[in-house]
Amino acid sequence: MNTDLGHPEVLVGSGAYLLANNHFGLGLTLLILGVMGGIFRAALRVQKSQQELEAQQKLLSEVNDAGEEIGSAIVTLLGAFGNEKKKKGGGGAIH
């Protein structure tokens, strides 16, 4: 797991240090801001991963649709080719 040392962690660390040194107001403010920043960062990461998942699903859907179109084109082509053989071979007289 990746460890980040960003603004939220610095704020939490500074807030804890200030709380330990009897600076209650500023320490609590920094602590709350750090926790909120961490929550916001986690929410943004979840949103980004959901967007990536949706993009992958959309791509797979488009590939699937393209495959179905190619398959139907091949079936149509082979069906037309098969009908030509039947017309050429089936036109003889019965003895």
N, C-alpha and C. Protein backbone atom coordinates (compact mmCIF):
# COMPACT_ATOMS: atom_id res chain seq x y z
N MET A 1 0.84 -1.18 0.00
CA MET A 1 0.00 0.00 0.00
C MET A 1 0.89 1.24 0.00
N ASN A 2 0.48 2.22 -0.78
CA ASN A 2 1.26 3.45 -0.87
C ASN A 2 1.02 4.32 0.36
N THR A 3 2.08 4.91 0.85
CA THR A 3 1.99 5.80 1.98
C THR A 3 2.24 7.21 1.50
N ASP A 4 1.29 8.09 1.77
CA ASP A 4 1.42 9.48 1.37
C ASP A 4 1.73 10.32 2.60
N LEU A 5 2.60 11.29 2.41
CA LEU A 5 2.86 12.26 3.46
C LEU A 5 2.53 13.61 2.85
N GLY A 6 1.25 13.96 2.95
CA GLY A 6 0.76 15.19 2.35
C GLY A 6 0.26 16.15 3.41
N HIS A 7 -0.54 17.09 2.96
CA HIS A 7 -1.06 18.11 3.86
C HIS A 7 -1.88 17.54 5.03
N PRO A 8 -2.79 16.58 4.78
CA PRO A 8 -3.57 16.06 5.92
C PRO A 8 -2.70 15.45 7.01
N GLU A 9 -1.67 14.70 6.61
CA GLU A 9 -0.81 14.08 7.62
C GLU A 9 -0.01 15.12 8.39
N VAL A 10 0.45 16.13 7.68
CA VAL A 10 1.20 17.20 8.35
C VAL A 10 0.29 17.96 9.32
N LEU A 11 -0.95 18.21 8.90
CA LEU A 11 -1.89 18.91 9.77
C LEU A 11 -2.22 18.09 11.01
N VAL A 12 -2.42 16.80 10.84
CA VAL A 12 -2.73 15.93 11.99
C VAL A 12 -1.54 15.89 12.95
N GLY A 13 -0.35 15.73 12.39
CA GLY A 13 0.85 15.69 13.24
C GLY A 13 1.06 17.01 13.98
N SER A 14 0.90 18.11 13.28
CA SER A 14 1.06 19.43 13.92
C SER A 14 -0.01 19.65 14.97
N GLY A 15 -1.24 19.26 14.64
CA GLY A 15 -2.34 19.42 15.60
C GLY A 15 -2.11 18.60 16.86
N ALA A 16 -1.63 17.38 16.70
CA ALA A 16 -1.36 16.53 17.86
C ALA A 16 -0.23 17.12 18.71
N TYR A 17 0.79 17.65 18.04
CA TYR A 17 1.89 18.27 18.77
C TYR A 17 1.41 19.49 19.56
N LEU A 18 0.59 20.32 18.92
CA LEU A 18 0.08 21.51 19.60
C LEU A 18 -0.86 21.15 20.75
N LEU A 19 -1.67 20.11 20.57
CA LEU A 19 -2.54 19.67 21.67
C LEU A 19 -1.71 19.18 22.85
N ALA A 20 -0.62 18.50 22.57
CA ALA A 20 0.23 17.99 23.64
C ALA A 20 0.96 19.11 24.37
N ASN A 21 1.12 20.25 23.71
CA ASN A 21 1.82 21.39 24.32
C ASN A 21 0.87 22.50 24.75
N ASN A 22 -0.36 22.14 25.10
CA ASN A 22 -1.35 23.04 25.68
C ASN A 22 -1.78 24.19 24.76
N HIS A 23 -1.81 23.97 23.50
CA HIS A 23 -2.38 24.93 22.54
C HIS A 23 -3.64 24.29 21.97
N PHE A 24 -4.67 24.25 22.80
CA PHE A 24 -5.86 23.47 22.51
C PHE A 24 -6.59 23.96 21.25
N GLY A 25 -6.84 25.24 21.13
CA GLY A 25 -7.64 25.77 20.01
C GLY A 25 -6.99 25.52 18.67
N LEU A 26 -5.76 25.93 18.53
CA LEU A 26 -5.06 25.75 17.26
C LEU A 26 -4.80 24.27 16.97
N GLY A 27 -4.44 23.53 17.99
CA GLY A 27 -4.19 22.10 17.80
C GLY A 27 -5.43 21.35 17.34
N LEU A 28 -6.57 21.64 17.97
CA LEU A 28 -7.81 20.98 17.58
C LEU A 28 -8.23 21.38 16.17
N THR A 29 -8.03 22.65 15.83
CA THR A 29 -8.37 23.12 14.47
C THR A 29 -7.52 22.38 13.42
N LEU A 30 -6.23 22.29 13.66
CA LEU A 30 -5.37 21.61 12.70
C LEU A 30 -5.69 20.12 12.62
N LEU A 31 -6.01 19.53 13.76
CA LEU A 31 -6.36 18.12 13.79
C LEU A 31 -7.63 17.86 12.97
N ILE A 32 -8.65 18.68 13.15
CA ILE A 32 -9.91 18.52 12.42
C ILE A 32 -9.69 18.74 10.92
N LEU A 33 -8.92 19.78 10.57
CA LEU A 33 -8.64 20.02 9.16
C LEU A 33 -7.88 18.86 8.52
N GLY A 34 -6.95 18.28 9.25
CA GLY A 34 -6.20 17.13 8.74
C GLY A 34 -7.08 15.92 8.51
N VAL A 35 -7.99 15.65 9.45
CA VAL A 35 -8.89 14.51 9.29
C VAL A 35 -9.83 14.74 8.11
N MET A 36 -10.37 15.95 8.00
CA MET A 36 -11.26 16.25 6.87
C MET A 36 -10.52 16.15 5.54
N GLY A 37 -9.29 16.62 5.50
CA GLY A 37 -8.49 16.52 4.28
C GLY A 37 -8.25 15.08 3.88
N GLY A 38 -7.99 14.22 4.85
CA GLY A 38 -7.81 12.80 4.57
C GLY A 38 -9.08 12.15 4.04
N ILE A 39 -10.22 12.53 4.60
CA ILE A 39 -11.50 11.99 4.12
C ILE A 39 -11.76 12.45 2.69
N PHE A 40 -11.51 13.73 2.42
CA PHE A 40 -11.73 14.25 1.06
C PHE A 40 -10.81 13.57 0.06
N ARG A 41 -9.57 13.35 0.44
CA ARG A 41 -8.62 12.69 -0.46
C ARG A 41 -9.07 11.26 -0.75
N ALA A 42 -9.55 10.56 0.28
CA ALA A 42 -10.03 9.20 0.07
C ALA A 42 -11.26 9.18 -0.85
N ALA A 43 -12.14 10.16 -0.68
CA ALA A 43 -13.34 10.24 -1.53
C ALA A 43 -12.95 10.49 -2.98
N LEU A 44 -11.96 11.35 -3.20
CA LEU A 44 -11.51 11.62 -4.56
C LEU A 44 -10.88 10.38 -5.20
N ARG A 45 -10.15 9.62 -4.42
CA ARG A 45 -9.56 8.39 -4.95
C ARG A 45 -10.63 7.37 -5.33
N VAL A 46 -11.66 7.26 -4.49
CA VAL A 46 -12.75 6.32 -4.79
C VAL A 46 -13.46 6.75 -6.07
N GLN A 47 -13.72 8.05 -6.20
CA GLN A 47 -14.38 8.56 -7.39
C GLN A 47 -13.54 8.30 -8.64
N LYS A 48 -12.25 8.50 -8.55
CA LYS A 48 -11.36 8.27 -9.68
C LYS A 48 -11.36 6.79 -10.08
N SER A 49 -11.32 5.90 -9.09
CA SER A 49 -11.33 4.47 -9.41
C SER A 49 -12.66 4.06 -10.03
N GLN A 50 -13.77 4.66 -9.58
CA GLN A 50 -15.07 4.35 -10.18
C GLN A 50 -15.14 4.83 -11.62
N GLN A 51 -14.58 6.00 -11.89
CA GLN A 51 -14.57 6.51 -13.25
C GLN A 51 -13.72 5.63 -14.16
N GLU A 52 -12.59 5.14 -13.66
CA GLU A 52 -11.75 4.24 -14.44
C GLU A 52 -12.48 2.92 -14.72
N LEU A 53 -13.20 2.42 -13.73
CA LEU A 53 -13.96 1.19 -13.90
C LEU A 53 -15.06 1.37 -14.94
N GLU A 54 -15.77 2.50 -14.88
CA GLU A 54 -16.82 2.78 -15.86
C GLU A 54 -16.23 2.90 -17.27
N ALA A 55 -15.07 3.52 -17.38
CA ALA A 55 -14.42 3.65 -18.69
C ALA A 55 -14.03 2.29 -19.23
N GLN A 56 -13.54 1.40 -18.38
CA GLN A 56 -13.17 0.05 -18.81
C GLN A 56 -14.41 -0.73 -19.26
N GLN A 57 -15.50 -0.60 -18.51
CA GLN A 57 -16.73 -1.29 -18.87
C GLN A 57 -17.28 -0.77 -20.19
N LYS A 58 -17.19 0.54 -20.41
CA LYS A 58 -17.66 1.12 -21.67
C LYS A 58 -16.82 0.60 -22.83
N LEU A 59 -15.52 0.53 -22.64
CA LEU A 59 -14.63 0.02 -23.68
C LEU A 59 -14.94 -1.44 -24.00
N LEU A 60 -15.14 -2.25 -22.97
CA LEU A 60 -15.47 -3.66 -23.19
C LEU A 60 -16.80 -3.80 -23.91
N SER A 61 -17.75 -2.95 -23.58
CA SER A 61 -19.05 -2.97 -24.26
C SER A 61 -18.89 -2.62 -25.73
N GLU A 62 -18.08 -1.61 -26.03
CA GLU A 62 -17.86 -1.22 -27.43
C GLU A 62 -17.15 -2.32 -28.20
N VAL A 63 -16.18 -2.98 -27.58
CA VAL A 63 -15.48 -4.09 -28.23
C VAL A 63 -16.46 -5.23 -28.48
N ASN A 64 -17.32 -5.51 -27.53
CA ASN A 64 -18.31 -6.57 -27.68
C ASN A 64 -19.26 -6.25 -28.83
N ASP A 65 -19.73 -5.00 -28.89
CA ASP A 65 -20.63 -4.60 -29.98
C ASP A 65 -19.94 -4.72 -31.33
N ALA A 66 -18.68 -4.32 -31.40
CA ALA A 66 -17.94 -4.42 -32.65
C ALA A 66 -17.77 -5.89 -33.05
N GLY A 67 -17.51 -6.75 -32.09
CA GLY A 67 -17.39 -8.17 -32.37
C GLY A 67 -18.68 -8.77 -32.89
N GLU A 68 -19.80 -8.34 -32.31
CA GLU A 68 -21.09 -8.83 -32.79
C GLU A 68 -21.36 -8.37 -34.22
N GLU A 69 -20.99 -7.12 -34.53
CA GLU A 69 -21.19 -6.62 -35.89
C GLU A 69 -20.32 -7.40 -36.89
N ILE A 70 -19.09 -7.66 -36.52
CA ILE A 70 -18.20 -8.43 -37.39
C ILE A 70 -18.74 -9.84 -37.58
N GLY A 71 -19.22 -10.44 -36.50
CA GLY A 71 -19.78 -11.79 -36.58
C GLY A 71 -21.00 -11.84 -37.49
N SER A 72 -21.89 -10.87 -37.38
CA SER A 72 -23.08 -10.87 -38.23
C SER A 72 -22.71 -10.62 -39.69
N ALA A 73 -21.68 -9.79 -39.92
CA ALA A 73 -21.23 -9.55 -41.30
C ALA A 73 -20.66 -10.83 -41.89
N ILE A 74 -19.89 -11.58 -41.12
CA ILE A 74 -19.31 -12.83 -41.61
C ILE A 74 -20.41 -13.85 -41.89
N VAL A 75 -21.40 -13.93 -41.00
CA VAL A 75 -22.50 -14.87 -41.21
C VAL A 75 -23.27 -14.50 -42.48
N THR A 76 -23.50 -13.22 -42.68
CA THR A 76 -24.20 -12.77 -43.88
C THR A 76 -23.39 -13.10 -45.13
N LEU A 77 -22.10 -12.85 -45.08
CA LEU A 77 -21.23 -13.13 -46.21
C LEU A 77 -21.19 -14.63 -46.52
N LEU A 78 -21.04 -15.44 -45.49
CA LEU A 78 -21.00 -16.89 -45.70
C LEU A 78 -22.36 -17.41 -46.17
N GLY A 79 -23.43 -16.81 -45.67
CA GLY A 79 -24.77 -17.21 -46.12
C GLY A 79 -24.97 -16.90 -47.59
N ALA A 80 -24.52 -15.73 -48.03
CA ALA A 80 -24.64 -15.37 -49.44
C ALA A 80 -23.77 -16.28 -50.30
N PHE A 81 -22.60 -16.62 -49.85
CA PHE A 81 -21.70 -17.52 -50.58
C PHE A 81 -22.31 -18.91 -50.68
N GLY A 82 -22.94 -19.36 -49.61
CA GLY A 82 -23.58 -20.67 -49.61
C GLY A 82 -24.77 -20.70 -50.55
N ASN A 83 -25.54 -19.61 -50.64
CA ASN A 83 -26.69 -19.56 -51.56
C ASN A 83 -26.24 -19.60 -53.01
N GLU A 84 -25.10 -19.00 -53.33
CA GLU A 84 -24.58 -19.04 -54.71
C GLU A 84 -24.21 -20.46 -55.10
N LYS A 85 -23.63 -21.22 -54.19
CA LYS A 85 -23.27 -22.61 -54.48
C LYS A 85 -24.52 -23.44 -54.74
N LYS A 86 -25.56 -23.21 -53.94
CA LYS A 86 -26.80 -23.97 -54.11
C LYS A 86 -27.45 -23.65 -55.45
N LYS A 87 -27.41 -22.38 -55.86
CA LYS A 87 -28.01 -22.00 -57.14
C LYS A 87 -27.24 -22.62 -58.30
N LYS A 88 -25.93 -22.65 -58.24
CA LYS A 88 -25.12 -23.20 -59.33
C LYS A 88 -25.26 -24.72 -59.39
N GLY A 89 -25.26 -25.36 -58.27
CA GLY A 89 -25.28 -26.83 -58.25
C GLY A 89 -26.68 -27.41 -58.37
N GLY A 90 -27.70 -26.70 -58.04
CA GLY A 90 -29.05 -27.25 -58.00
C GLY A 90 -29.83 -27.02 -59.27
N GLY A 91 -29.25 -26.50 -60.34
CA GLY A 91 -30.00 -26.17 -61.56
C GLY A 91 -30.01 -27.27 -62.61
N GLY A 92 -29.49 -28.45 -62.30
CA GLY A 92 -29.41 -29.51 -63.31
C GLY A 92 -30.74 -30.22 -63.51
N ALA A 93 -30.84 -30.96 -64.61
CA ALA A 93 -32.07 -31.70 -64.93
C ALA A 93 -32.11 -33.01 -64.17
N ILE A 94 -33.31 -33.49 -63.90
CA ILE A 94 -33.49 -34.76 -63.19
C ILE A 94 -33.62 -35.88 -64.19
N HIS A 95 -32.90 -36.96 -64.06
CA HIS A 95 -32.93 -38.10 -65.02
C HIS A 95 -33.73 -39.21 -64.48
